[in-house]
């Protein structure tokens, strides 16, 4: 689920991952994406299980997609979110 907050200044993203075998919640995370006026860039901060991390967020050329990622030791991840014609984030 993704929603704009504070008159569109913050994009709040809530994610829930479930196991395939029994559909139990395996991970819950909350992310906040904001624009940093000082650097002219988007920043993201994610929260999960008492921890948090920061990542640079990029607005893609289509103007309707965001990409971000992070490294944690040898683990690297990247994600893309797209807003569709109905205004829904996927």
N, C-alpha and C. Protein backbone atom coordinates (compact mmCIF):
# COMPACT_ATOMS: atom_id res chain seq x y z
N UNK A 1 0.84 -1.16 0.00
CA UNK A 1 0.00 0.00 0.00
C UNK A 1 0.89 1.24 0.00
N UNK A 2 0.58 2.21 -0.81
CA UNK A 2 1.32 3.47 -0.87
C UNK A 2 0.35 4.63 -0.83
N UNK A 3 0.66 5.63 -0.03
CA UNK A 3 -0.19 6.81 0.10
C UNK A 3 0.67 8.06 0.23
N UNK A 4 0.23 9.13 -0.41
CA UNK A 4 0.88 10.42 -0.19
C UNK A 4 0.37 11.00 1.12
N UNK A 5 1.28 11.63 1.86
CA UNK A 5 0.96 12.27 3.13
C UNK A 5 1.48 13.71 3.11
N UNK A 6 1.03 14.52 4.06
CA UNK A 6 1.49 15.91 4.21
C UNK A 6 1.38 16.68 2.91
N UNK A 7 0.18 16.66 2.33
CA UNK A 7 -0.10 17.37 1.08
C UNK A 7 0.83 16.94 -0.06
N UNK A 8 1.18 15.66 -0.10
CA UNK A 8 1.99 15.12 -1.18
C UNK A 8 3.49 15.24 -0.99
N UNK A 9 3.94 15.74 0.15
CA UNK A 9 5.37 15.91 0.39
C UNK A 9 6.07 14.62 0.78
N UNK A 10 5.32 13.64 1.27
CA UNK A 10 5.89 12.36 1.71
C UNK A 10 5.07 11.24 1.07
N UNK A 11 5.77 10.24 0.55
CA UNK A 11 5.12 9.03 0.07
C UNK A 11 5.38 7.95 1.11
N UNK A 12 4.32 7.43 1.71
CA UNK A 12 4.43 6.38 2.72
C UNK A 12 4.08 5.04 2.06
N UNK A 13 4.95 4.06 2.23
CA UNK A 13 4.76 2.75 1.63
C UNK A 13 4.78 1.71 2.73
N UNK A 14 3.74 0.90 2.78
CA UNK A 14 3.68 -0.19 3.75
C UNK A 14 3.71 -1.50 2.98
N UNK A 15 4.63 -2.37 3.37
CA UNK A 15 4.75 -3.65 2.69
C UNK A 15 4.62 -4.81 3.65
N UNK A 16 3.92 -5.84 3.22
CA UNK A 16 3.78 -7.06 4.00
C UNK A 16 4.12 -8.23 3.09
N UNK A 17 5.10 -9.04 3.50
CA UNK A 17 5.46 -10.24 2.75
C UNK A 17 4.93 -11.47 3.46
N UNK A 18 4.38 -12.39 2.70
CA UNK A 18 3.79 -13.59 3.28
C UNK A 18 4.47 -14.84 2.73
N UNK A 19 4.46 -15.90 3.53
CA UNK A 19 5.01 -17.17 3.09
C UNK A 19 4.08 -17.79 2.05
N UNK A 20 4.65 -18.48 1.08
CA UNK A 20 3.84 -19.11 0.04
C UNK A 20 3.08 -20.33 0.57
N UNK A 21 3.69 -21.04 1.49
CA UNK A 21 3.09 -22.30 1.94
C UNK A 21 1.81 -22.11 2.75
N UNK A 22 1.80 -21.13 3.68
CA UNK A 22 0.62 -20.98 4.54
C UNK A 22 0.13 -19.54 4.67
N UNK A 23 0.69 -18.64 3.87
CA UNK A 23 0.24 -17.25 3.80
C UNK A 23 0.42 -16.48 5.12
N UNK A 24 1.34 -16.94 5.98
CA UNK A 24 1.62 -16.23 7.22
C UNK A 24 2.53 -15.04 6.94
N UNK A 25 2.37 -13.99 7.75
CA UNK A 25 3.21 -12.80 7.61
C UNK A 25 4.66 -13.17 7.93
N UNK A 26 5.56 -12.88 6.98
CA UNK A 26 6.98 -13.17 7.17
C UNK A 26 7.78 -11.89 7.39
N UNK A 27 7.31 -10.79 6.83
CA UNK A 27 8.01 -9.52 6.98
C UNK A 27 7.00 -8.38 6.87
N UNK A 28 7.20 -7.36 7.67
CA UNK A 28 6.42 -6.14 7.60
C UNK A 28 7.41 -4.98 7.57
N UNK A 29 7.18 -4.03 6.66
CA UNK A 29 8.09 -2.90 6.55
C UNK A 29 7.30 -1.63 6.25
N UNK A 30 7.89 -0.51 6.62
CA UNK A 30 7.30 0.79 6.35
C UNK A 30 8.39 1.66 5.75
N UNK A 31 8.08 2.34 4.66
CA UNK A 31 9.04 3.22 4.01
C UNK A 31 8.47 4.61 3.83
N UNK A 32 9.34 5.61 3.93
CA UNK A 32 8.97 7.00 3.71
C UNK A 32 9.90 7.57 2.65
N UNK A 33 9.34 8.17 1.61
CA UNK A 33 10.13 8.79 0.56
C UNK A 33 9.84 10.28 0.56
N UNK A 34 10.92 11.08 0.58
CA UNK A 34 10.80 12.53 0.61
C UNK A 34 11.77 13.14 -0.39
N UNK A 35 11.56 14.39 -0.73
CA UNK A 35 12.48 15.13 -1.59
C UNK A 35 13.35 16.00 -0.72
N UNK A 36 14.67 15.94 -0.95
CA UNK A 36 15.64 16.72 -0.19
C UNK A 36 15.97 17.99 -0.99
N UNK A 37 15.44 19.12 -0.55
CA UNK A 37 15.68 20.39 -1.26
C UNK A 37 17.17 20.73 -1.34
N UNK A 38 17.93 20.43 -0.30
CA UNK A 38 19.34 20.79 -0.25
C UNK A 38 20.16 20.08 -1.32
N UNK A 39 19.85 18.82 -1.60
CA UNK A 39 20.62 18.05 -2.59
C UNK A 39 19.89 17.89 -3.91
N UNK A 40 18.61 18.23 -3.95
CA UNK A 40 17.83 18.06 -5.18
C UNK A 40 17.58 16.61 -5.51
N UNK A 41 17.55 15.76 -4.49
CA UNK A 41 17.35 14.32 -4.72
C UNK A 41 16.27 13.77 -3.80
N UNK A 42 15.78 12.61 -4.18
CA UNK A 42 14.80 11.91 -3.35
C UNK A 42 15.54 10.99 -2.40
N UNK A 43 15.03 10.86 -1.18
CA UNK A 43 15.62 9.98 -0.17
C UNK A 43 14.54 9.07 0.38
N UNK A 44 14.93 7.89 0.73
CA UNK A 44 14.00 6.95 1.33
C UNK A 44 14.54 6.44 2.64
N UNK A 45 13.66 6.22 3.56
CA UNK A 45 14.03 5.60 4.84
C UNK A 45 13.05 4.47 5.07
N UNK A 46 13.59 3.28 5.34
CA UNK A 46 12.76 2.11 5.56
C UNK A 46 12.92 1.60 6.98
N UNK A 47 11.82 1.09 7.53
CA UNK A 47 11.79 0.58 8.90
C UNK A 47 11.27 -0.85 8.90
N UNK A 48 11.95 -1.72 9.65
CA UNK A 48 11.53 -3.11 9.77
C UNK A 48 12.14 -3.72 11.01
N UNK A 49 11.32 -4.37 11.81
CA UNK A 49 11.80 -5.18 12.93
C UNK A 49 12.76 -4.43 13.85
N UNK A 50 12.45 -3.16 14.14
CA UNK A 50 13.28 -2.38 15.05
C UNK A 50 14.53 -1.80 14.41
N UNK A 51 14.70 -1.97 13.11
CA UNK A 51 15.87 -1.44 12.40
C UNK A 51 15.39 -0.46 11.34
N UNK A 52 16.34 0.32 10.79
CA UNK A 52 16.02 1.24 9.70
C UNK A 52 17.22 1.37 8.79
N UNK A 53 16.97 1.84 7.59
CA UNK A 53 18.05 2.12 6.64
C UNK A 53 17.64 3.28 5.75
N UNK A 54 18.62 3.91 5.13
CA UNK A 54 18.36 4.99 4.20
C UNK A 54 18.85 4.60 2.82
N UNK A 55 18.17 5.10 1.80
CA UNK A 55 18.54 4.79 0.42
C UNK A 55 18.22 5.98 -0.47
N UNK A 56 19.02 6.13 -1.52
CA UNK A 56 18.69 7.13 -2.54
C UNK A 56 17.56 6.56 -3.39
N UNK A 57 16.62 7.40 -3.72
CA UNK A 57 15.48 7.01 -4.54
C UNK A 57 15.54 7.83 -5.82
N UNK A 58 15.34 7.17 -6.95
CA UNK A 58 15.41 7.87 -8.23
C UNK A 58 14.05 7.86 -8.91
N UNK A 59 13.65 9.02 -9.42
CA UNK A 59 12.46 9.13 -10.24
C UNK A 59 12.88 8.72 -11.65
N UNK A 60 12.22 7.73 -12.22
CA UNK A 60 12.60 7.23 -13.53
C UNK A 60 12.08 8.14 -14.64
N UNK A 61 12.62 7.95 -15.84
CA UNK A 61 12.34 8.85 -16.96
C UNK A 61 10.86 8.96 -17.31
N UNK A 62 10.09 7.92 -17.07
CA UNK A 62 8.66 7.98 -17.41
C UNK A 62 7.88 8.91 -16.47
N UNK A 63 8.52 9.35 -15.38
CA UNK A 63 7.87 10.25 -14.43
C UNK A 63 6.81 9.59 -13.57
N UNK A 64 6.63 8.28 -13.74
CA UNK A 64 5.60 7.56 -13.00
C UNK A 64 6.17 6.37 -12.24
N UNK A 65 7.50 6.29 -12.15
CA UNK A 65 8.13 5.16 -11.49
C UNK A 65 9.27 5.64 -10.60
N UNK A 66 9.49 4.91 -9.51
CA UNK A 66 10.59 5.16 -8.58
C UNK A 66 11.44 3.91 -8.48
N UNK A 67 12.75 4.09 -8.35
CA UNK A 67 13.62 2.94 -8.10
C UNK A 67 14.49 3.24 -6.88
N UNK A 68 14.80 2.21 -6.14
CA UNK A 68 15.70 2.34 -5.00
C UNK A 68 16.28 0.98 -4.70
N UNK A 69 17.33 0.99 -3.90
CA UNK A 69 17.96 -0.26 -3.49
C UNK A 69 18.94 0.01 -2.37
N UNK A 70 19.47 -1.07 -1.83
CA UNK A 70 20.45 -0.94 -0.76
C UNK A 70 21.28 -2.20 -0.68
N UNK A 71 22.41 -2.09 0.00
CA UNK A 71 23.29 -3.22 0.26
C UNK A 71 23.39 -3.40 1.76
N UNK A 72 23.40 -4.64 2.18
CA UNK A 72 23.55 -4.99 3.59
C UNK A 72 24.53 -6.15 3.62
N UNK A 73 25.81 -5.82 3.83
CA UNK A 73 26.83 -6.86 3.72
C UNK A 73 26.91 -7.33 2.27
N UNK A 74 26.79 -8.62 2.07
CA UNK A 74 26.83 -9.17 0.71
C UNK A 74 25.46 -9.20 0.05
N UNK A 75 24.44 -8.83 0.77
CA UNK A 75 23.08 -8.84 0.22
C UNK A 75 22.81 -7.50 -0.45
N UNK A 76 22.33 -7.56 -1.69
CA UNK A 76 21.94 -6.35 -2.42
C UNK A 76 20.52 -6.53 -2.92
N UNK A 77 19.76 -5.46 -2.86
CA UNK A 77 18.39 -5.53 -3.35
C UNK A 77 18.06 -4.24 -4.10
N UNK A 78 17.16 -4.35 -5.05
CA UNK A 78 16.67 -3.16 -5.75
C UNK A 78 15.20 -3.37 -6.06
N UNK A 79 14.47 -2.27 -6.08
CA UNK A 79 13.02 -2.34 -6.30
C UNK A 79 12.59 -1.20 -7.21
N UNK A 80 11.47 -1.41 -7.90
CA UNK A 80 10.86 -0.38 -8.73
C UNK A 80 9.37 -0.35 -8.40
N UNK A 81 8.84 0.84 -8.20
CA UNK A 81 7.39 1.02 -8.02
C UNK A 81 6.90 1.89 -9.16
N UNK A 82 5.72 1.57 -9.67
CA UNK A 82 5.12 2.30 -10.79
C UNK A 82 3.70 2.71 -10.40
N UNK A 83 3.32 3.91 -10.77
CA UNK A 83 1.95 4.36 -10.54
C UNK A 83 1.17 4.19 -11.85
N UNK A 84 0.05 3.47 -11.77
CA UNK A 84 -0.71 3.18 -12.99
C UNK A 84 -1.73 4.28 -13.29
N UNK A 85 -2.50 4.09 -14.35
CA UNK A 85 -3.47 5.10 -14.80
C UNK A 85 -4.56 5.37 -13.76
N UNK A 86 -4.79 4.40 -12.86
CA UNK A 86 -5.79 4.58 -11.81
C UNK A 86 -5.22 5.28 -10.57
N UNK A 87 -3.91 5.60 -10.60
CA UNK A 87 -3.27 6.24 -9.46
C UNK A 87 -2.84 5.26 -8.39
N UNK A 88 -2.81 3.97 -8.74
CA UNK A 88 -2.41 2.92 -7.79
C UNK A 88 -0.93 2.60 -7.98
N UNK A 89 -0.24 2.42 -6.88
CA UNK A 89 1.18 2.04 -6.94
C UNK A 89 1.29 0.53 -7.03
N UNK A 90 2.12 0.06 -7.95
CA UNK A 90 2.33 -1.38 -8.12
C UNK A 90 3.81 -1.70 -8.05
